[in-house]
Every structure is written in C-alpha cells, then in structure tokens.
C-alpha cells in the first residue's frame, strides 16, 4: 500500500520553493508596481486637493484636511518603493526612476524628508482652517514633489 502523504509533502515543498524563487525574481517588478501605485494614489489626492484649493467660493476645509492627512500618511511609504535593483538601468519593467535615486541616496532621502515635513505641516495648518495658509502650504507641498521629480524622475 502506497502512502500519499510523503508524495504530497515533497510536491508541496517543491511548489513552495518554486513560488519563493519566482517571488525573488519578480521583486524589482513588484517594487515598481508598488511605487507606481503609491504615486497614483498620491496623485489622486493631490488632484482632489488642488480642485478644493482652486474652487471658487468657500474652501471646503473638511475635504482639504482629509486629503492633506492622506498625503502625509502616504509619504513614509515612498522610500520603500525604491529598493536596489528596481531602477530603469536594472533591466526591469519600464519605469521613470532616475539612476540618481541610488547613486545619490542621501539626496533622494533628503527630498523625501522635505516632502514629509511639508505634508505634516499641511495637516497642522489644515486644522486651523486658515484658507490663506492652507493654500500657501499646499504650494509648498507641491513644490517639494516637483523638486524631487526634477532630479529623481527620468522622463
């Protein structure tokens, strides 16, 4: 009588090993998808916030505060989307990450830190309801994004 359990265990082991190897091989592509998704979500909130800022009439401070909080919450996730080996020079999925992200990692982190500080300040200012300060700080946040994209995004 044959026992199917050893065969199942061996089959499961090789299936898990193959799946693990496949995950290791696609990690850069996964990182690219992750960071692109993150940037899309951030872009969505920027667009919504921009619409609130540029809307004529009274500023919707609740909507502004919601979008500001989301941008601040997403910021700390930026760096993890750029692991070594996930750049455009690494022969992985097509992406706009400039090589300077890895060759100037300290500068890249400084730009992320600028964004984190600006977005955190935006959240605090949003709590005041001061429309003039809210709009001015929104421009600071968008400027921090542009500063990073100018140097670290290949077009």
N, C-alpha and C. Protein backbone atom coordinates (compact mmCIF):
# COMPACT_ATOMS: atom_id res chain seq x y z
N UNK A 1 0.83 -1.18 0.00
CA UNK A 1 0.00 0.00 0.00
C UNK A 1 0.88 1.25 0.00
N UNK A 2 0.61 2.16 -0.93
CA UNK A 2 1.38 3.40 -1.04
C UNK A 2 0.77 4.45 -0.14
N UNK A 3 1.62 5.22 0.48
CA UNK A 3 1.15 6.32 1.33
C UNK A 3 1.28 7.63 0.55
N UNK A 4 0.17 8.30 0.32
CA UNK A 4 0.22 9.53 -0.47
C UNK A 4 0.83 10.71 0.28
N UNK A 5 0.92 10.66 1.59
CA UNK A 5 1.41 11.79 2.36
C UNK A 5 2.83 12.20 2.00
N UNK A 6 3.81 11.29 1.93
CA UNK A 6 5.16 11.72 1.56
C UNK A 6 5.19 12.36 0.17
N UNK A 7 4.44 11.84 -0.76
CA UNK A 7 4.40 12.42 -2.10
C UNK A 7 3.82 13.82 -2.05
N UNK A 8 2.77 14.01 -1.28
CA UNK A 8 2.17 15.33 -1.15
C UNK A 8 3.12 16.32 -0.49
N UNK A 9 3.82 15.88 0.53
CA UNK A 9 4.77 16.75 1.23
C UNK A 9 5.89 17.17 0.28
N UNK A 10 6.43 16.23 -0.45
CA UNK A 10 7.51 16.55 -1.39
C UNK A 10 7.02 17.49 -2.48
N UNK A 11 5.83 17.23 -3.00
CA UNK A 11 5.26 18.08 -4.04
C UNK A 11 5.03 19.49 -3.49
N UNK A 12 4.49 19.58 -2.29
CA UNK A 12 4.24 20.89 -1.68
C UNK A 12 5.56 21.63 -1.45
N UNK A 13 6.58 20.92 -1.02
CA UNK A 13 7.88 21.55 -0.79
C UNK A 13 8.41 22.18 -2.08
N UNK A 14 8.40 21.42 -3.17
CA UNK A 14 8.92 21.95 -4.43
C UNK A 14 8.05 23.08 -4.98
N UNK A 15 6.78 23.00 -4.77
CA UNK A 15 5.88 24.08 -5.21
C UNK A 15 6.19 25.36 -4.44
N UNK A 16 6.38 25.24 -3.13
CA UNK A 16 6.72 26.41 -2.32
C UNK A 16 8.08 26.98 -2.71
N UNK A 17 9.04 26.11 -2.96
CA UNK A 17 10.37 26.57 -3.36
C UNK A 17 10.31 27.29 -4.70
N UNK A 18 9.54 26.76 -5.62
CA UNK A 18 9.40 27.40 -6.92
C UNK A 18 8.71 28.75 -6.80
N UNK A 19 7.67 28.81 -5.99
CA UNK A 19 6.95 30.07 -5.78
C UNK A 19 7.86 31.10 -5.12
N UNK A 20 8.68 30.66 -4.16
CA UNK A 20 9.60 31.57 -3.50
C UNK A 20 10.64 32.09 -4.48
N UNK A 21 11.15 31.23 -5.32
CA UNK A 21 12.13 31.66 -6.32
C UNK A 21 11.49 32.64 -7.30
N UNK A 22 10.26 32.39 -7.68
CA UNK A 22 9.57 33.30 -8.60
C UNK A 22 9.37 34.66 -7.96
N UNK A 23 9.02 34.67 -6.67
CA UNK A 23 8.85 35.95 -5.97
C UNK A 23 10.17 36.71 -5.92
N UNK A 24 11.25 36.01 -5.65
CA UNK A 24 12.56 36.67 -5.58
C UNK A 24 12.94 37.26 -6.93
N UNK A 25 12.59 36.58 -8.01
CA UNK A 25 12.93 37.07 -9.33
C UNK A 25 12.07 38.27 -9.73
N UNK A 26 10.86 38.39 -9.21
CA UNK A 26 9.98 39.48 -9.62
C UNK A 26 9.97 40.62 -8.61
N UNK A 27 10.80 40.54 -7.59
CA UNK A 27 10.78 41.59 -6.58
C UNK A 27 10.97 42.99 -7.15
N UNK A 28 11.93 43.25 -8.04
CA UNK A 28 12.05 44.61 -8.59
C UNK A 28 10.77 45.04 -9.32
N UNK A 29 10.17 44.14 -10.09
CA UNK A 29 8.94 44.49 -10.79
C UNK A 29 7.82 44.78 -9.79
N UNK A 30 7.78 44.03 -8.71
CA UNK A 30 6.78 44.29 -7.68
C UNK A 30 7.01 45.65 -7.03
N UNK A 31 8.27 45.98 -6.80
CA UNK A 31 8.59 47.28 -6.22
C UNK A 31 8.16 48.41 -7.15
N UNK A 32 8.37 48.21 -8.43
CA UNK A 32 7.97 49.23 -9.41
C UNK A 32 6.45 49.39 -9.39
N UNK A 33 5.73 48.28 -9.40
CA UNK A 33 4.27 48.36 -9.34
C UNK A 33 3.82 49.03 -8.05
N UNK A 34 4.49 48.71 -6.95
CA UNK A 34 4.15 49.30 -5.66
C UNK A 34 4.32 50.82 -5.70
N UNK A 35 5.49 51.28 -6.13
CA UNK A 35 5.74 52.73 -6.11
C UNK A 35 4.88 53.46 -7.13
N UNK A 36 4.62 52.84 -8.28
CA UNK A 36 3.74 53.48 -9.25
C UNK A 36 2.32 53.59 -8.70
N UNK A 37 1.88 52.54 -8.03
CA UNK A 37 0.55 52.58 -7.40
C UNK A 37 0.48 53.64 -6.33
N UNK A 38 1.53 53.72 -5.52
CA UNK A 38 1.59 54.73 -4.47
C UNK A 38 1.54 56.13 -5.07
N UNK A 39 2.30 56.35 -6.12
CA UNK A 39 2.31 57.68 -6.75
C UNK A 39 0.95 57.99 -7.38
N UNK A 40 0.27 56.98 -7.89
CA UNK A 40 -1.07 57.22 -8.44
C UNK A 40 -2.05 57.62 -7.34
N UNK A 41 -1.97 56.96 -6.21
CA UNK A 41 -2.86 57.30 -5.09
C UNK A 41 -2.53 58.70 -4.59
N UNK A 42 -1.25 59.01 -4.48
CA UNK A 42 -0.88 60.36 -4.05
C UNK A 42 -1.36 61.39 -5.07
N UNK A 43 -1.19 61.07 -6.35
CA UNK A 43 -1.64 61.97 -7.40
C UNK A 43 -3.14 62.21 -7.36
N UNK A 44 -3.89 61.16 -7.08
CA UNK A 44 -5.35 61.30 -6.94
C UNK A 44 -5.68 62.30 -5.84
N UNK A 45 -5.04 62.15 -4.71
CA UNK A 45 -5.31 63.06 -3.60
C UNK A 45 -4.82 64.47 -3.89
N UNK A 46 -3.69 64.60 -4.59
CA UNK A 46 -3.23 65.93 -5.00
C UNK A 46 -4.24 66.59 -5.92
N UNK A 47 -4.74 65.83 -6.88
CA UNK A 47 -5.72 66.38 -7.81
C UNK A 47 -6.98 66.84 -7.07
N UNK A 48 -7.44 66.02 -6.14
CA UNK A 48 -8.63 66.38 -5.38
C UNK A 48 -8.37 67.60 -4.50
N UNK A 49 -7.21 67.64 -3.91
CA UNK A 49 -6.84 68.78 -3.07
C UNK A 49 -6.69 70.04 -3.91
N UNK A 50 -6.08 69.91 -5.06
CA UNK A 50 -5.94 71.04 -5.97
C UNK A 50 -7.30 71.58 -6.39
N UNK A 51 -8.24 70.67 -6.64
CA UNK A 51 -9.59 71.10 -7.02
C UNK A 51 -10.24 71.87 -5.88
N UNK A 52 -10.01 71.42 -4.66
CA UNK A 52 -10.56 72.12 -3.48
C UNK A 52 -9.92 73.50 -3.36
N UNK A 53 -8.62 73.57 -3.56
CA UNK A 53 -7.90 74.83 -3.44
C UNK A 53 -8.32 75.82 -4.53
N UNK A 54 -8.51 75.33 -5.74
CA UNK A 54 -8.81 76.21 -6.86
C UNK A 54 -10.30 76.46 -7.06
N UNK A 55 -11.12 75.83 -6.27
CA UNK A 55 -12.57 76.02 -6.38
C UNK A 55 -12.93 77.44 -5.97
N UNK A 56 -13.81 78.03 -6.70
CA UNK A 56 -14.26 79.37 -6.32
C UNK A 56 -15.28 79.24 -5.21
N UNK A 57 -15.31 80.20 -4.36
CA UNK A 57 -16.23 80.16 -3.23
C UNK A 57 -15.51 79.69 -1.98
N UNK A 58 -16.27 79.33 -1.00
CA UNK A 58 -15.72 78.93 0.29
C UNK A 58 -14.92 77.63 0.15
N UNK A 59 -13.78 77.59 0.82
CA UNK A 59 -12.92 76.41 0.82
C UNK A 59 -13.56 75.33 1.69
N UNK A 60 -13.63 74.14 1.18
CA UNK A 60 -14.16 73.00 1.94
C UNK A 60 -13.04 72.50 2.85
N UNK A 61 -13.01 72.99 4.07
CA UNK A 61 -11.90 72.68 4.98
C UNK A 61 -11.89 71.21 5.40
N UNK A 62 -13.04 70.56 5.49
CA UNK A 62 -13.07 69.14 5.85
C UNK A 62 -12.42 68.30 4.74
N UNK A 63 -12.76 68.60 3.50
CA UNK A 63 -12.17 67.88 2.37
C UNK A 63 -10.67 68.16 2.29
N UNK A 64 -10.30 69.40 2.50
CA UNK A 64 -8.89 69.78 2.49
C UNK A 64 -8.13 68.98 3.55
N UNK A 65 -8.65 68.95 4.76
CA UNK A 65 -7.98 68.24 5.86
C UNK A 65 -7.87 66.74 5.56
N UNK A 66 -8.90 66.16 4.98
CA UNK A 66 -8.88 64.74 4.64
C UNK A 66 -7.77 64.44 3.64
N UNK A 67 -7.71 65.22 2.57
CA UNK A 67 -6.70 65.00 1.53
C UNK A 67 -5.30 65.28 2.05
N UNK A 68 -5.15 66.30 2.87
CA UNK A 68 -3.84 66.61 3.46
C UNK A 68 -3.37 65.46 4.33
N UNK A 69 -4.26 64.91 5.13
CA UNK A 69 -3.90 63.79 6.01
C UNK A 69 -3.48 62.57 5.19
N UNK A 70 -4.19 62.31 4.11
CA UNK A 70 -3.83 61.16 3.27
C UNK A 70 -2.44 61.33 2.67
N UNK A 71 -2.15 62.53 2.19
CA UNK A 71 -0.83 62.77 1.61
C UNK A 71 0.27 62.58 2.65
N UNK A 72 0.03 63.06 3.85
CA UNK A 72 1.03 62.91 4.92
C UNK A 72 1.19 61.44 5.31
N UNK A 73 0.11 60.69 5.31
CA UNK A 73 0.17 59.28 5.69
C UNK A 73 0.88 58.42 4.64
N UNK A 74 0.77 58.81 3.39
CA UNK A 74 1.39 58.03 2.32
C UNK A 74 2.89 58.31 2.20
N UNK A 75 3.32 59.48 2.61
CA UNK A 75 4.71 59.88 2.44
C UNK A 75 5.75 58.92 2.98
N UNK A 76 5.58 58.39 4.18
CA UNK A 76 6.60 57.49 4.71
C UNK A 76 6.78 56.20 3.91
N UNK A 77 5.88 55.92 2.99
CA UNK A 77 5.97 54.70 2.19
C UNK A 77 6.80 54.89 0.92
N UNK A 78 7.19 56.11 0.62
CA UNK A 78 7.88 56.38 -0.65
C UNK A 78 9.19 55.61 -0.76
N UNK A 79 10.05 55.74 0.22
CA UNK A 79 11.39 55.15 0.13
C UNK A 79 11.37 53.65 -0.08
N UNK A 80 10.43 52.96 0.56
CA UNK A 80 10.42 51.50 0.44
C UNK A 80 10.07 51.03 -0.98
N UNK A 81 9.56 51.91 -1.80
CA UNK A 81 9.25 51.54 -3.18
C UNK A 81 10.43 51.61 -4.11
N UNK A 82 11.60 51.94 -3.59
CA UNK A 82 12.79 52.10 -4.43
C UNK A 82 13.96 51.25 -3.93
N UNK A 83 13.76 49.93 -3.79
CA UNK A 83 14.89 49.09 -3.36
C UNK A 83 15.94 49.00 -4.47
N UNK A 84 17.14 48.68 -4.07
CA UNK A 84 18.22 48.48 -5.05
C UNK A 84 17.78 47.43 -6.06
N UNK A 85 18.13 47.67 -7.31
CA UNK A 85 17.79 46.72 -8.36
C UNK A 85 16.47 46.99 -9.05
N UNK A 86 15.79 48.09 -8.69
CA UNK A 86 14.48 48.37 -9.30
C UNK A 86 14.48 49.63 -10.14
N UNK A 87 15.66 50.02 -10.59
CA UNK A 87 15.76 51.22 -11.42
C UNK A 87 15.67 50.90 -12.90
N UNK A 88 15.53 51.93 -13.70
CA UNK A 88 15.40 51.73 -15.15
C UNK A 88 16.67 51.12 -15.75
N UNK A 89 17.81 51.32 -15.13
CA UNK A 89 19.07 50.75 -15.63
C UNK A 89 19.23 49.28 -15.27
N UNK A 90 18.30 48.76 -14.44
CA UNK A 90 18.43 47.38 -13.96
C UNK A 90 17.72 46.36 -14.84
N UNK A 91 17.30 46.78 -16.02
CA UNK A 91 16.64 45.88 -16.97
C UNK A 91 15.43 45.20 -16.35
N UNK A 92 14.63 45.99 -15.66
CA UNK A 92 13.37 45.51 -15.11
C UNK A 92 12.25 46.25 -15.84
N UNK A 93 11.05 46.14 -15.36
CA UNK A 93 9.91 46.79 -16.01
C UNK A 93 10.21 48.27 -16.27
N UNK A 94 9.65 48.77 -17.33
CA UNK A 94 9.85 50.17 -17.70
C UNK A 94 9.37 51.06 -16.56
N UNK A 95 10.21 52.01 -16.19
CA UNK A 95 9.86 52.93 -15.12
C UNK A 95 10.62 54.23 -15.30
N UNK A 96 10.19 55.24 -14.57
CA UNK A 96 10.76 56.59 -14.70
C UNK A 96 11.75 56.93 -13.61
N UNK A 97 12.21 55.96 -12.87
CA UNK A 97 13.14 56.23 -11.78
C UNK A 97 14.52 56.54 -12.33
N UNK A 98 15.03 57.71 -12.00
CA UNK A 98 16.36 58.10 -12.45
C UNK A 98 17.43 57.36 -11.63
N UNK A 99 18.55 57.11 -12.25
CA UNK A 99 19.64 56.39 -11.58
C UNK A 99 20.12 57.13 -10.34
N UNK A 100 19.92 58.45 -10.29
CA UNK A 100 20.37 59.24 -9.14
C UNK A 100 19.69 58.82 -7.84
N UNK A 101 18.55 58.16 -7.92
CA UNK A 101 17.89 57.68 -6.70
C UNK A 101 18.85 56.78 -5.92
N UNK A 102 19.62 55.98 -6.63
CA UNK A 102 20.53 55.03 -5.98
C UNK A 102 21.95 55.58 -5.87
N UNK A 103 22.37 56.39 -6.83
CA UNK A 103 23.72 56.94 -6.76
C UNK A 103 23.80 58.12 -5.80
N UNK A 104 22.67 58.74 -5.52
CA UNK A 104 22.59 59.87 -4.57
C UNK A 104 21.48 59.58 -3.57
N UNK A 105 21.60 58.44 -2.90
CA UNK A 105 20.55 58.00 -1.98
C UNK A 105 20.30 59.02 -0.87
N UNK A 106 21.35 59.66 -0.37
CA UNK A 106 21.18 60.65 0.70
C UNK A 106 20.38 61.86 0.19
N UNK A 107 20.67 62.29 -1.02
CA UNK A 107 19.93 63.41 -1.60
C UNK A 107 18.47 63.05 -1.84
N UNK A 108 18.24 61.82 -2.30
CA UNK A 108 16.87 61.35 -2.52
C UNK A 108 16.11 61.31 -1.20
N UNK A 109 16.75 60.78 -0.16
CA UNK A 109 16.09 60.74 1.15
C UNK A 109 15.83 62.14 1.67
N UNK A 110 16.72 63.07 1.40
CA UNK A 110 16.51 64.47 1.82
C UNK A 110 15.27 65.05 1.15
N UNK A 111 15.06 64.73 -0.12
CA UNK A 111 13.86 65.20 -0.83
C UNK A 111 12.60 64.57 -0.23
N UNK A 112 12.69 63.30 0.11
CA UNK A 112 11.55 62.65 0.77
C UNK A 112 11.29 63.32 2.10
N UNK A 113 12.34 63.60 2.85
CA UNK A 113 12.19 64.27 4.15
C UNK A 113 11.56 65.65 4.00
N UNK A 114 11.93 66.37 2.93
CA UNK A 114 11.31 67.67 2.66
C UNK A 114 9.81 67.50 2.46
N UNK A 115 9.44 66.50 1.67
CA UNK A 115 8.02 66.22 1.44
C UNK A 115 7.31 65.87 2.75
N UNK A 116 7.94 65.01 3.55
CA UNK A 116 7.32 64.59 4.81
C UNK A 116 7.07 65.79 5.72
N UNK A 117 8.05 66.67 5.82
CA UNK A 117 7.91 67.86 6.66
C UNK A 117 6.82 68.78 6.12
N UNK A 118 6.82 69.01 4.81
CA UNK A 118 5.83 69.90 4.20
C UNK A 118 4.42 69.34 4.33
N UNK A 119 4.27 68.03 4.12
CA UNK A 119 2.93 67.44 4.20
C UNK A 119 2.43 67.38 5.65
N UNK A 120 3.34 67.15 6.59
CA UNK A 120 2.95 67.16 8.01
C UNK A 120 2.50 68.57 8.41
N UNK A 121 3.22 69.57 7.95
CA UNK A 121 2.84 70.95 8.24
C UNK A 121 1.49 71.29 7.60
N UNK A 122 1.23 70.74 6.41
CA UNK A 122 -0.06 70.95 5.76
C UNK A 122 -1.20 70.41 6.61
N UNK A 123 -1.00 69.28 7.21
CA UNK A 123 -2.03 68.70 8.09
C UNK A 123 -2.29 69.63 9.27
N UNK A 124 -1.21 70.12 9.87
CA UNK A 124 -1.36 71.02 11.03
C UNK A 124 -2.08 72.31 10.64
N UNK A 125 -1.71 72.88 9.50
CA UNK A 125 -2.33 74.12 9.05
C UNK A 125 -3.79 73.87 8.69
N UNK A 126 -4.09 72.71 8.14
CA UNK A 126 -5.47 72.39 7.78
C UNK A 126 -6.37 72.42 9.01
N UNK A 127 -5.83 72.08 10.16
CA UNK A 127 -6.61 72.09 11.41
C UNK A 127 -7.02 73.51 11.81
N UNK A 128 -6.25 74.50 11.36
CA UNK A 128 -6.56 75.89 11.73
C UNK A 128 -7.72 76.45 10.91
N UNK A 129 -7.90 75.92 9.70
CA UNK A 129 -8.95 76.44 8.83
C UNK A 129 -8.58 77.75 8.15
N UNK A 130 -7.33 78.21 8.32
CA UNK A 130 -6.89 79.46 7.70
C UNK A 130 -6.63 79.21 6.21
N UNK A 131 -7.56 79.68 5.40
CA UNK A 131 -7.53 79.41 3.97
C UNK A 131 -6.25 79.89 3.29
N UNK A 132 -5.80 81.06 3.65
CA UNK A 132 -4.59 81.62 3.03
C UNK A 132 -3.37 80.74 3.34
N UNK A 133 -3.23 80.35 4.61
CA UNK A 133 -2.10 79.50 4.99
C UNK A 133 -2.23 78.10 4.38
N UNK A 134 -3.44 77.60 4.30
CA UNK A 134 -3.65 76.27 3.73
C UNK A 134 -3.22 76.24 2.27
N UNK A 135 -3.62 77.24 1.52
CA UNK A 135 -3.25 77.30 0.11
C UNK A 135 -1.75 77.49 -0.06
N UNK A 136 -1.16 78.33 0.77
CA UNK A 136 0.29 78.56 0.69
C UNK A 136 1.07 77.29 1.00
N UNK A 137 0.63 76.56 2.01
CA UNK A 137 1.34 75.32 2.37
C UNK A 137 1.11 74.24 1.32
N UNK A 138 -0.06 74.22 0.71
CA UNK A 138 -0.30 73.28 -0.39
C UNK A 138 0.72 73.53 -1.50
N UNK A 139 1.00 74.78 -1.79
CA UNK A 139 2.01 75.11 -2.81
C UNK A 139 3.40 74.61 -2.36
N UNK A 140 3.68 74.68 -1.06
CA UNK A 140 4.96 74.17 -0.55
C UNK A 140 5.06 72.65 -0.75
N UNK A 141 3.98 71.96 -0.50
CA UNK A 141 3.98 70.50 -0.68
C UNK A 141 4.17 70.16 -2.16
N UNK A 142 3.44 70.82 -3.03
CA UNK A 142 3.61 70.54 -4.46
C UNK A 142 5.02 70.90 -4.92
N UNK A 143 5.59 71.94 -4.34
CA UNK A 143 6.97 72.30 -4.66
C UNK A 143 7.96 71.23 -4.22
N UNK A 144 7.70 70.61 -3.08
CA UNK A 144 8.59 69.54 -2.62
C UNK A 144 8.51 68.34 -3.56
N UNK A 145 7.34 68.08 -4.08
CA UNK A 145 7.20 66.99 -5.05
C UNK A 145 7.95 67.32 -6.34
N UNK A 146 7.75 68.52 -6.82
CA UNK A 146 8.41 68.94 -8.06
C UNK A 146 9.93 68.90 -7.90
N UNK A 147 10.43 69.33 -6.75
CA UNK A 147 11.87 69.30 -6.51
C UNK A 147 12.44 67.91 -6.61
N UNK A 148 11.71 66.94 -6.11
CA UNK A 148 12.15 65.55 -6.18
C UNK A 148 12.04 65.04 -7.62
N UNK A 149 10.91 65.29 -8.24
CA UNK A 149 10.71 64.80 -9.61
C UNK A 149 11.72 65.41 -10.58
N UNK A 150 12.06 66.68 -10.38
CA UNK A 150 13.02 67.33 -11.28
C UNK A 150 14.35 66.60 -11.32
N UNK A 151 14.79 66.08 -10.18
CA UNK A 151 16.10 65.44 -10.11
C UNK A 151 16.04 63.92 -10.20
N UNK A 152 15.00 63.32 -9.65
CA UNK A 152 14.98 61.88 -9.48
C UNK A 152 13.97 61.13 -10.35
N UNK A 153 13.34 61.83 -11.26
CA UNK A 153 12.43 61.17 -12.19
C UNK A 153 12.95 61.38 -13.60
N UNK A 154 13.20 60.28 -14.27
CA UNK A 154 13.68 60.33 -15.66
C UNK A 154 12.46 60.41 -16.56
N UNK A 155 12.49 61.34 -17.47
CA UNK A 155 11.34 61.48 -18.38
C UNK A 155 11.65 60.96 -19.75
